[in-house]
Amino acid sequence: KKQHAVMKIRNEIIRATYEFFNNTGFTKIDPPILT
């Protein structure tokens, strides 16, 4: 139950992140993992 709750909060942070940047005119760019 508690671990499930932590992951739900993590998911909400991610959702709110996309909401904030999309609503303020930022474009999502995916940098490479291998550099």
PDB file of all heavy atoms in Angstrom:
ATOM      1  N   LYS A   1       0.815  -1.218   0.000  1.00  0.00           N
ATOM      2  CA  LYS A   1       0.000   0.000   0.000  1.00  0.00           C
ATOM      3  C   LYS A   1       0.848   1.268   0.000  1.00  0.00           C
ATOM      4  O   LYS A   1       0.582   2.212  -0.751  1.00  0.00           O
ATOM      5  CB  LYS A   1      -0.937  -0.026   1.202  1.00  0.00           C
ATOM      6  CG  LYS A   1      -2.134   0.897   1.083  1.00  0.00           C
ATOM      7  CD  LYS A   1      -3.135   0.628   2.201  1.00  0.00           C
ATOM      8  CE  LYS A   1      -4.428   1.406   1.986  1.00  0.00           C
ATOM      9  NZ  LYS A   1      -5.421   1.121   3.047  1.00  0.00           N
ATOM     10  N   LYS A   2       1.877   1.307   0.842  1.00  0.00           N
ATOM     11  CA  LYS A   2       2.697   2.514   0.927  1.00  0.00           C
ATOM     12  C   LYS A   2       3.570   2.695  -0.319  1.00  0.00           C
ATOM     13  O   LYS A   2       3.737   3.813  -0.811  1.00  0.00           O
ATOM     14  CB  LYS A   2       3.548   2.499   2.199  1.00  0.00           C
ATOM     15  CG  LYS A   2       2.734   2.738   3.460  1.00  0.00           C
ATOM     16  CD  LYS A   2       3.613   2.973   4.678  1.00  0.00           C
ATOM     17  CE  LYS A   2       2.754   3.351   5.895  1.00  0.00           C
ATOM     18  NZ  LYS A   2       3.585   3.645   7.091  1.00  0.00           N
ATOM     19  N   GLN A   3       4.126   1.591  -0.817  1.00  0.00           N
ATOM     20  CA  GLN A   3       4.936   1.701  -2.025  1.00  0.00           C
ATOM     21  C   GLN A   3       4.069   2.114  -3.213  1.00  0.00           C
ATOM     22  O   GLN A   3       4.504   2.866  -4.095  1.00  0.00           O
ATOM     23  CB  GLN A   3       5.650   0.379  -2.303  1.00  0.00           C
ATOM     24  CG  GLN A   3       6.666  -0.010  -1.245  1.00  0.00           C
ATOM     25  CD  GLN A   3       7.722   1.046  -1.040  1.00  0.00           C
ATOM     26  OE1 GLN A   3       8.379   1.475  -1.983  1.00  0.00           O
ATOM     27  NE2 GLN A   3       7.907   1.495   0.196  1.00  0.00           N
ATOM     28  N   HIS A   4       2.866   1.602  -3.269  1.00  0.00           N
ATOM     29  CA  HIS A   4       1.910   1.996  -4.302  1.00  0.00           C
ATOM     30  C   HIS A   4       1.646   3.499  -4.217  1.00  0.00           C
ATOM     31  O   HIS A   4       1.613   4.197  -5.248  1.00  0.00           O
ATOM     32  CB  HIS A   4       0.606   1.209  -4.114  1.00  0.00           C
ATOM     33  CG  HIS A   4      -0.412   1.432  -5.183  1.00  0.00           C
ATOM     34  ND1 HIS A   4      -1.347   2.434  -5.104  1.00  0.00           N
ATOM     35  CD2 HIS A   4      -0.647   0.779  -6.346  1.00  0.00           C
ATOM     36  CE1 HIS A   4      -2.124   2.388  -6.173  1.00  0.00           C
ATOM     37  NE2 HIS A   4      -1.720   1.400  -6.951  1.00  0.00           N
ATOM     38  N   ALA A   5       1.485   4.021  -3.002  1.00  0.00           N
ATOM     39  CA  ALA A   5       1.225   5.451  -2.813  1.00  0.00           C
ATOM     40  C   ALA A   5       2.401   6.298  -3.293  1.00  0.00           C
ATOM     41  O   ALA A   5       2.211   7.346  -3.930  1.00  0.00           O
ATOM     42  CB  ALA A   5       0.931   5.733  -1.343  1.00  0.00           C
ATOM     43  N   VAL A   6       3.631   5.860  -3.004  1.00  0.00           N
ATOM     44  CA  VAL A   6       4.812   6.609  -3.439  1.00  0.00           C
ATOM     45  C   VAL A   6       4.863   6.683  -4.959  1.00  0.00           C
ATOM     46  O   VAL A   6       5.144   7.744  -5.543  1.00  0.00           O
ATOM     47  CB  VAL A   6       6.101   5.973  -2.882  1.00  0.00           C
ATOM     48  CG1 VAL A   6       7.330   6.647  -3.480  1.00  0.00           C
ATOM     49  CG2 VAL A   6       6.142   6.068  -1.366  1.00  0.00           C
ATOM     50  N   MET A   7       4.580   5.574  -5.630  1.00  0.00           N
ATOM     51  CA  MET A   7       4.615   5.562  -7.094  1.00  0.00           C
ATOM     52  C   MET A   7       3.504   6.424  -7.688  1.00  0.00           C
ATOM     53  O   MET A   7       3.671   7.040  -8.748  1.00  0.00           O
ATOM     54  CB  MET A   7       4.503   4.130  -7.621  1.00  0.00           C
ATOM     55  CG  MET A   7       5.729   3.263  -7.367  1.00  0.00           C
ATOM     56  SD  MET A   7       7.260   3.927  -8.088  1.00  0.00           S
ATOM     57  CE  MET A   7       8.131   4.407  -6.581  1.00  0.00           C
ATOM     58  N   LYS A   8       2.359   6.512  -7.018  1.00  0.00           N
ATOM     59  CA  LYS A   8       1.283   7.382  -7.496  1.00  0.00           C
ATOM     60  C   LYS A   8       1.688   8.849  -7.372  1.00  0.00           C
ATOM     61  O   LYS A   8       1.373   9.669  -8.248  1.00  0.00           O
ATOM     62  CB  LYS A   8      -0.004   7.114  -6.713  1.00  0.00           C
ATOM     63  CG  LYS A   8      -0.591   5.728  -6.918  1.00  0.00           C
ATOM     64  CD  LYS A   8      -1.120   5.527  -8.322  1.00  0.00           C
ATOM     65  CE  LYS A   8      -2.459   6.198  -8.525  1.00  0.00           C
ATOM     66  NZ  LYS A   8      -3.054   5.860  -9.846  1.00  0.00           N
ATOM     67  N   ILE A   9       2.392   9.189  -6.304  1.00  0.00           N
ATOM     68  CA  ILE A   9       2.881  10.562  -6.145  1.00  0.00           C
ATOM     69  C   ILE A   9       3.931  10.858  -7.203  1.00  0.00           C
ATOM     70  O   ILE A   9       3.945  11.948  -7.798  1.00  0.00           O
ATOM     71  CB  ILE A   9       3.421  10.775  -4.716  1.00  0.00           C
ATOM     72  CG1 ILE A   9       2.251  10.772  -3.719  1.00  0.00           C
ATOM     73  CG2 ILE A   9       4.237  12.065  -4.612  1.00  0.00           C
ATOM     74  CD1 ILE A   9       2.663  10.769  -2.265  1.00  0.00           C
ATOM     75  N   ARG A  10       4.807   9.895  -7.458  1.00  0.00           N
ATOM     76  CA  ARG A  10       5.801  10.061  -8.533  1.00  0.00           C
ATOM     77  C   ARG A  10       5.093  10.342  -9.859  1.00  0.00           C
ATOM     78  O   ARG A  10       5.478  11.243 -10.621  1.00  0.00           O
ATOM     79  CB  ARG A  10       6.658   8.797  -8.623  1.00  0.00           C
ATOM     80  CG  ARG A  10       7.716   8.828  -9.730  1.00  0.00           C
ATOM     81  CD  ARG A  10       8.410   7.475  -9.877  1.00  0.00           C
ATOM     82  NE  ARG A  10       9.300   7.444 -11.033  1.00  0.00           N
ATOM     83  CZ  ARG A  10      10.629   7.492 -10.967  1.00  0.00           C
ATOM     84  NH1 ARG A  10      11.226   7.561  -9.800  1.00  0.00           N
ATOM     85  NH2 ARG A  10      11.355   7.463 -12.072  1.00  0.00           N
ATOM     86  N   ASN A  11       4.067   9.566 -10.141  1.00  0.00           N
ATOM     87  CA  ASN A  11       3.328   9.740 -11.388  1.00  0.00           C
ATOM     88  C   ASN A  11       2.675  11.121 -11.461  1.00  0.00           C
ATOM     89  O   ASN A  11       2.663  11.748 -12.531  1.00  0.00           O
ATOM     90  CB  ASN A  11       2.247   8.654 -11.496  1.00  0.00           C
ATOM     91  CG  ASN A  11       1.473   8.749 -12.793  1.00  0.00           C
ATOM     92  OD1 ASN A  11       1.988   8.459 -13.863  1.00  0.00           O
ATOM     93  ND2 ASN A  11       0.214   9.171 -12.706  1.00  0.00           N
ATOM     94  N   GLU A  12       2.163  11.606 -10.341  1.00  0.00           N
ATOM     95  CA  GLU A  12       1.533  12.926 -10.327  1.00  0.00           C
ATOM     96  C   GLU A  12       2.555  14.029 -10.565  1.00  0.00           C
ATOM     97  O   GLU A  12       2.277  15.019 -11.255  1.00  0.00           O
ATOM     98  CB  GLU A  12       0.806  13.160  -9.004  1.00  0.00           C
ATOM     99  CG  GLU A  12       0.161  14.530  -8.863  1.00  0.00           C
ATOM    100  CD  GLU A  12      -0.876  14.839  -9.931  1.00  0.00           C
ATOM    101  OE1 GLU A  12      -1.450  13.889 -10.528  1.00  0.00           O
ATOM    102  OE2 GLU A  12      -1.127  16.028 -10.186  1.00  0.00           O
ATOM    103  N   ILE A  13       3.754  13.879 -10.020  1.00  0.00           N
ATOM    104  CA  ILE A  13       4.814  14.856 -10.276  1.00  0.00           C
ATOM    105  C   ILE A  13       5.151  14.905 -11.759  1.00  0.00           C
ATOM    106  O   ILE A  13       5.318  15.982 -12.345  1.00  0.00           O
ATOM    107  CB  ILE A  13       6.069  14.530  -9.435  1.00  0.00           C
ATOM    108  CG1 ILE A  13       5.768  14.724  -7.949  1.00  0.00           C
ATOM    109  CG2 ILE A  13       7.257  15.391  -9.861  1.00  0.00           C
ATOM    110  CD1 ILE A  13       6.853  14.214  -7.022  1.00  0.00           C
ATOM    111  N   ILE A  14       5.237  13.740 -12.382  1.00  0.00           N
ATOM    112  CA  ILE A  14       5.527  13.678 -13.817  1.00  0.00           C
ATOM    113  C   ILE A  14       4.391  14.321 -14.609  1.00  0.00           C
ATOM    114  O   ILE A  14       4.623  15.108 -15.538  1.00  0.00           O
ATOM    115  CB  ILE A  14       5.747  12.223 -14.256  1.00  0.00           C
ATOM    116  CG1 ILE A  14       7.007  11.647 -13.596  1.00  0.00           C
ATOM    117  CG2 ILE A  14       5.863  12.125 -15.781  1.00  0.00           C
ATOM    118  CD1 ILE A  14       7.162  10.148 -13.739  1.00  0.00           C
ATOM    119  N   ARG A  15       3.148  13.990 -14.258  1.00  0.00           N
ATOM    120  CA  ARG A  15       1.998  14.566 -14.964  1.00  0.00           C
ATOM    121  C   ARG A  15       1.998  16.091 -14.844  1.00  0.00           C
ATOM    122  O   ARG A  15       1.809  16.814 -15.826  1.00  0.00           O
ATOM    123  CB  ARG A  15       0.690  14.007 -14.389  1.00  0.00           C
ATOM    124  CG  ARG A  15      -0.565  14.400 -15.184  1.00  0.00           C
ATOM    125  CD  ARG A  15      -1.799  14.438 -14.317  1.00  0.00           C
ATOM    126  NE  ARG A  15      -1.729  15.446 -13.270  1.00  0.00           N
ATOM    127  CZ  ARG A  15      -1.924  16.763 -13.470  1.00  0.00           C
ATOM    128  NH1 ARG A  15      -2.215  17.206 -14.683  1.00  0.00           N
ATOM    129  NH2 ARG A  15      -1.828  17.613 -12.465  1.00  0.00           N
ATOM    130  N   ALA A  16       2.228  16.584 -13.613  1.00  0.00           N
ATOM    131  CA  ALA A  16       2.230  18.027 -13.381  1.00  0.00           C
ATOM    132  C   ALA A  16       3.393  18.705 -14.098  1.00  0.00           C
ATOM    133  O   ALA A  16       3.283  19.870 -14.520  1.00  0.00           O
ATOM    134  CB  ALA A  16       2.297  18.309 -11.879  1.00  0.00           C
ATOM    135  N   THR A  17       4.512  17.997 -14.240  1.00  0.00           N
ATOM    136  CA  THR A  17       5.668  18.531 -14.962  1.00  0.00           C
ATOM    137  C   THR A  17       5.307  18.798 -16.419  1.00  0.00           C
ATOM    138  O   THR A  17       5.563  19.886 -16.958  1.00  0.00           O
ATOM    139  CB  THR A  17       6.849  17.555 -14.868  1.00  0.00           C
ATOM    140  OG1 THR A  17       7.344  17.541 -13.526  1.00  0.00           O
ATOM    141  CG2 THR A  17       7.973  17.952 -15.810  1.00  0.00           C
ATOM    142  N   TYR A  18       4.730  17.803 -17.074  1.00  0.00           N
ATOM    143  CA  TYR A  18       4.329  17.985 -18.471  1.00  0.00           C
ATOM    144  C   TYR A  18       3.299  19.104 -18.580  1.00  0.00           C
ATOM    145  O   TYR A  18       3.335  19.916 -19.517  1.00  0.00           O
ATOM    146  CB  TYR A  18       3.771  16.675 -19.032  1.00  0.00           C
ATOM    147  CG  TYR A  18       4.835  15.725 -19.516  1.00  0.00           C
ATOM    148  CD1 TYR A  18       5.474  14.850 -18.643  1.00  0.00           C
ATOM    149  CD2 TYR A  18       5.223  15.699 -20.852  1.00  0.00           C
ATOM    150  CE1 TYR A  18       6.459  13.983 -19.075  1.00  0.00           C
ATOM    151  CE2 TYR A  18       6.209  14.827 -21.303  1.00  0.00           C
ATOM    152  CZ  TYR A  18       6.826  13.971 -20.414  1.00  0.00           C
ATOM    153  OH  TYR A  18       7.809  13.108 -20.855  1.00  0.00           O
ATOM    154  N   GLU A  19       2.381  19.158 -17.642  1.00  0.00           N
ATOM    155  CA  GLU A  19       1.351  20.196 -17.654  1.00  0.00           C
ATOM    156  C   GLU A  19       1.982  21.576 -17.575  1.00  0.00           C
ATOM    157  O   GLU A  19       1.631  22.486 -18.340  1.00  0.00           O
ATOM    158  CB  GLU A  19       0.399  19.977 -16.478  1.00  0.00           C
ATOM    159  CG  GLU A  19      -0.730  20.994 -16.378  1.00  0.00           C
ATOM    160  CD  GLU A  19      -1.640  20.669 -15.197  1.00  0.00           C
ATOM    161  OE1 GLU A  19      -1.184  20.801 -14.034  1.00  0.00           O
ATOM    162  OE2 GLU A  19      -2.790  20.273 -15.447  1.00  0.00           O
ATOM    163  N   PHE A  20       2.924  21.744 -16.636  1.00  0.00           N
ATOM    164  CA  PHE A  20       3.549  23.058 -16.452  1.00  0.00           C
ATOM    165  C   PHE A  20       4.288  23.499 -17.704  1.00  0.00           C
ATOM    166  O   PHE A  20       4.092  24.617 -18.192  1.00  0.00           O
ATOM    167  CB  PHE A  20       4.508  23.032 -15.261  1.00  0.00           C
ATOM    168  CG  PHE A  20       5.281  24.313 -15.089  1.00  0.00           C
ATOM    169  CD1 PHE A  20       4.716  25.400 -14.434  1.00  0.00           C
ATOM    170  CD2 PHE A  20       6.567  24.449 -15.602  1.00  0.00           C
ATOM    171  CE1 PHE A  20       5.410  26.598 -14.286  1.00  0.00           C
ATOM    172  CE2 PHE A  20       7.270  25.637 -15.467  1.00  0.00           C
ATOM    173  CZ  PHE A  20       6.693  26.721 -14.803  1.00  0.00           C
ATOM    174  N   PHE A  21       5.155  22.643 -18.218  1.00  0.00           N
ATOM    175  CA  PHE A  21       5.979  23.062 -19.355  1.00  0.00           C
ATOM    176  C   PHE A  21       5.160  23.200 -20.634  1.00  0.00           C
ATOM    177  O   PHE A  21       5.413  24.098 -21.448  1.00  0.00           O
ATOM    178  CB  PHE A  21       7.153  22.096 -19.538  1.00  0.00           C
ATOM    179  CG  PHE A  21       8.231  22.270 -18.501  1.00  0.00           C
ATOM    180  CD1 PHE A  21       8.512  21.273 -17.581  1.00  0.00           C
ATOM    181  CD2 PHE A  21       8.962  23.448 -18.431  1.00  0.00           C
ATOM    182  CE1 PHE A  21       9.488  21.438 -16.613  1.00  0.00           C
ATOM    183  CE2 PHE A  21       9.941  23.634 -17.468  1.00  0.00           C
ATOM    184  CZ  PHE A  21      10.205  22.623 -16.556  1.00  0.00           C
ATOM    185  N   ASN A  22       4.172  22.343 -20.824  1.00  0.00           N
ATOM    186  CA  ASN A  22       3.319  22.497 -21.999  1.00  0.00           C
ATOM    187  C   ASN A  22       2.505  23.788 -21.928  1.00  0.00           C
ATOM    188  O   ASN A  22       2.313  24.477 -22.932  1.00  0.00           O
ATOM    189  CB  ASN A  22       2.375  21.295 -22.136  1.00  0.00           C
ATOM    190  CG  ASN A  22       3.101  20.041 -22.606  1.00  0.00           C
ATOM    191  OD1 ASN A  22       4.096  20.127 -23.322  1.00  0.00           O
ATOM    192  ND2 ASN A  22       2.607  18.886 -22.216  1.00  0.00           N
ATOM    193  N   ASN A  23       2.037  24.121 -20.732  1.00  0.00           N
ATOM    194  CA  ASN A  23       1.216  25.326 -20.575  1.00  0.00           C
ATOM    195  C   ASN A  23       2.023  26.618 -20.631  1.00  0.00           C
ATOM    196  O   ASN A  23       1.450  27.694 -20.796  1.00  0.00           O
ATOM    197  CB  ASN A  23       0.441  25.279 -19.257  1.00  0.00           C
ATOM    198  CG  ASN A  23      -0.678  24.261 -19.273  1.00  0.00           C
ATOM    199  OD1 ASN A  23      -1.035  23.722 -20.322  1.00  0.00           O
ATOM    200  ND2 ASN A  23      -1.244  23.976 -18.111  1.00  0.00           N
ATOM    201  N   THR A  24       3.329  26.524 -20.464  1.00  0.00           N
ATOM    202  CA  THR A  24       4.170  27.725 -20.492  1.00  0.00           C
ATOM    203  C   THR A  24       5.014  27.812 -21.768  1.00  0.00           C
ATOM    204  O   THR A  24       5.959  28.591 -21.831  1.00  0.00           O
ATOM    205  CB  THR A  24       5.079  27.784 -19.248  1.00  0.00           C
ATOM    206  OG1 THR A  24       5.778  26.542 -19.093  1.00  0.00           O
ATOM    207  CG2 THR A  24       4.268  28.061 -17.991  1.00  0.00           C
ATOM    208  N   GLY A  25       4.676  27.005 -22.760  1.00  0.00           N
ATOM    209  CA  GLY A  25       5.275  27.159 -24.083  1.00  0.00           C
ATOM    210  C   GLY A  25       6.601  26.471 -24.309  1.00  0.00           C
ATOM    211  O   GLY A  25       7.311  26.780 -25.276  1.00  0.00           O
ATOM    212  N   PHE A  26       6.966  25.510 -23.446  1.00  0.00           N
ATOM    213  CA  PHE A  26       8.210  24.763 -23.636  1.00  0.00           C
ATOM    214  C   PHE A  26       7.958  23.582 -24.578  1.00  0.00           C
ATOM    215  O   PHE A  26       6.892  22.957 -24.548  1.00  0.00           O
ATOM    216  CB  PHE A  26       8.743  24.247 -22.299  1.00  0.00           C
ATOM    217  CG  PHE A  26       9.438  25.286 -21.466  1.00  0.00           C
ATOM    218  CD1 PHE A  26       8.712  26.275 -20.817  1.00  0.00           C
ATOM    219  CD2 PHE A  26      10.814  25.271 -21.327  1.00  0.00           C
ATOM    220  CE1 PHE A  26       9.343  27.236 -20.038  1.00  0.00           C
ATOM    221  CE2 PHE A  26      11.466  26.218 -20.545  1.00  0.00           C
ATOM    222  CZ  PHE A  26      10.724  27.214 -19.901  1.00  0.00           C
ATOM    223  N   THR A  27       8.949  23.274 -25.393  1.00  0.00           N
ATOM    224  CA  THR A  27       8.897  22.126 -26.299  1.00  0.00           C
ATOM    225  C   THR A  27       9.735  20.994 -25.724  1.00  0.00           C
ATOM    226  O   THR A  27      10.886  21.218 -25.321  1.00  0.00           O
ATOM    227  CB  THR A  27       9.443  22.499 -27.693  1.00  0.00           C
ATOM    228  OG1 THR A  27       8.629  23.544 -28.241  1.00  0.00           O
ATOM    229  CG2 THR A  27       9.435  21.296 -28.631  1.00  0.00           C
ATOM    230  N   LYS A  28       9.187  19.793 -25.692  1.00  0.00           N
ATOM    231  CA  LYS A  28       9.951  18.659 -25.157  1.00  0.00           C
ATOM    232  C   LYS A  28      10.949  18.165 -26.201  1.00  0.00           C
ATOM    233  O   LYS A  28      10.595  17.906 -27.360  1.00  0.00           O
ATOM    234  CB  LYS A  28       9.044  17.504 -24.742  1.00  0.00           C
ATOM    235  CG  LYS A  28       9.811  16.362 -24.068  1.00  0.00           C
ATOM    236  CD  LYS A  28       8.897  15.312 -23.489  1.00  0.00           C
ATOM    237  CE  LYS A  28       9.692  14.262 -22.714  1.00  0.00           C
ATOM    238  NZ  LYS A  28      10.562  13.440 -23.553  1.00  0.00           N
ATOM    239  N   ILE A  29      12.182  18.032 -25.767  1.00  0.00           N
ATOM    240  CA  ILE A  29      13.281  17.527 -26.591  1.00  0.00           C
ATOM    241  C   ILE A  29      13.911  16.353 -25.860  1.00  0.00           C
ATOM    242  O   ILE A  29      14.100  16.404 -24.646  1.00  0.00           O
ATOM    243  CB  ILE A  29      14.337  18.630 -26.841  1.00  0.00           C
ATOM    244  CG1 ILE A  29      13.730  19.788 -27.639  1.00  0.00           C
ATOM    245  CG2 ILE A  29      15.567  18.056 -27.549  1.00  0.00           C
ATOM    246  CD1 ILE A  29      13.361  19.454 -29.069  1.00  0.00           C
ATOM    247  N   ASP A  30      14.250  15.294 -26.576  1.00  0.00           N
ATOM    248  CA  ASP A  30      14.833  14.107 -25.954  1.00  0.00           C
ATOM    249  C   ASP A  30      16.328  14.021 -26.261  1.00  0.00           C
ATOM    250  O   ASP A  30      16.723  13.648 -27.365  1.00  0.00           O
ATOM    251  CB  ASP A  30      14.128  12.842 -26.471  1.00  0.00           C
ATOM    252  CG  ASP A  30      12.650  12.852 -26.134  1.00  0.00           C
ATOM    253  OD1 ASP A  30      12.315  13.164 -24.985  1.00  0.00           O
ATOM    254  OD2 ASP A  30      11.828  12.546 -27.019  1.00  0.00           O
ATOM    255  N   PRO A  31      17.180  14.353 -25.291  1.00  0.00           N
ATOM    256  CA  PRO A  31      18.626  14.244 -25.503  1.00  0.00           C
ATOM    257  C   PRO A  31      19.045  12.775 -25.574  1.00  0.00           C
ATOM    258  O   PRO A  31      18.340  11.895 -25.067  1.00  0.00           O
ATOM    259  CB  PRO A  31      19.229  14.915 -24.264  1.00  0.00           C
ATOM    260  CG  PRO A  31      18.092  15.563 -23.559  1.00  0.00           C
ATOM    261  CD  PRO A  31      16.859  14.833 -23.950  1.00  0.00           C
ATOM    262  N   PRO A  32      20.203  12.494 -26.164  1.00  0.00           N
ATOM    263  CA  PRO A  32      20.677  11.108 -26.222  1.00  0.00           C
ATOM    264  C   PRO A  32      21.141  10.615 -24.858  1.00  0.00           C
ATOM    265  O   PRO A  32      21.553  11.401 -24.000  1.00  0.00           O
ATOM    266  CB  PRO A  32      21.848  11.177 -27.208  1.00  0.00           C
ATOM    267  CG  PRO A  32      22.360  12.575 -27.071  1.00  0.00           C
ATOM    268  CD  PRO A  32      21.147  13.427 -26.809  1.00  0.00           C
ATOM    269  N   ILE A  33      21.069   9.311 -24.668  1.00  0.00           N
ATOM    270  CA  ILE A  33      21.583   8.696 -23.444  1.00  0.00           C
ATOM    271  C   ILE A  33      23.057   8.337 -23.611  1.00  0.00           C
ATOM    272  O   ILE A  33      23.844   8.450 -22.680  1.00  0.00           O
ATOM    273  CB  ILE A  33      20.745   7.464 -23.073  1.00  0.00           C
ATOM    274  CG1 ILE A  33      19.338   7.910 -22.663  1.00  0.00           C
ATOM    275  CG2 ILE A  33      21.398   6.659 -21.953  1.00  0.00           C
ATOM    276  CD1 ILE A  33      18.376   6.779 -22.405  1.00  0.00           C
ATOM    277  N   LEU A  34      23.447   7.931 -24.802  1.00  0.00           N
ATOM    278  CA  LEU A  34      24.860   7.677 -25.111  1.00  0.00           C
ATOM    279  C   LEU A  34      25.481   8.954 -25.638  1.00  0.00           C
ATOM    280  O   LEU A  34      24.981   9.560 -26.587  1.00  0.00           O
ATOM    281  CB  LEU A  34      24.986   6.559 -26.147  1.00  0.00           C
ATOM    282  CG  LEU A  34      24.711   5.139 -25.649  1.00  0.00           C
ATOM    283  CD1 LEU A  34      24.605   4.183 -26.829  1.00  0.00           C
ATOM    284  CD2 LEU A  34      25.799   4.674 -24.694  1.00  0.00           C
ATOM    285  N   THR A  35      26.558   9.390 -25.012  1.00  0.00           N
ATOM    286  CA  THR A  35      27.201  10.639 -25.414  1.00  0.00           C
ATOM    287  C   THR A  35      28.701  10.438 -25.580  1.00  0.00           C
ATOM    288  O   THR A  35      29.292   9.519 -25.007  1.00  0.00           O
ATOM    289  CB  THR A  35      26.955  11.741 -24.371  1.00  0.00           C
ATOM    290  OG1 THR A  35      27.661  11.426 -23.168  1.00  0.00           O
ATOM    291  CG2 THR A  35      25.475  11.884 -24.064  1.00  0.00           C
TER     292      THR A  35
END
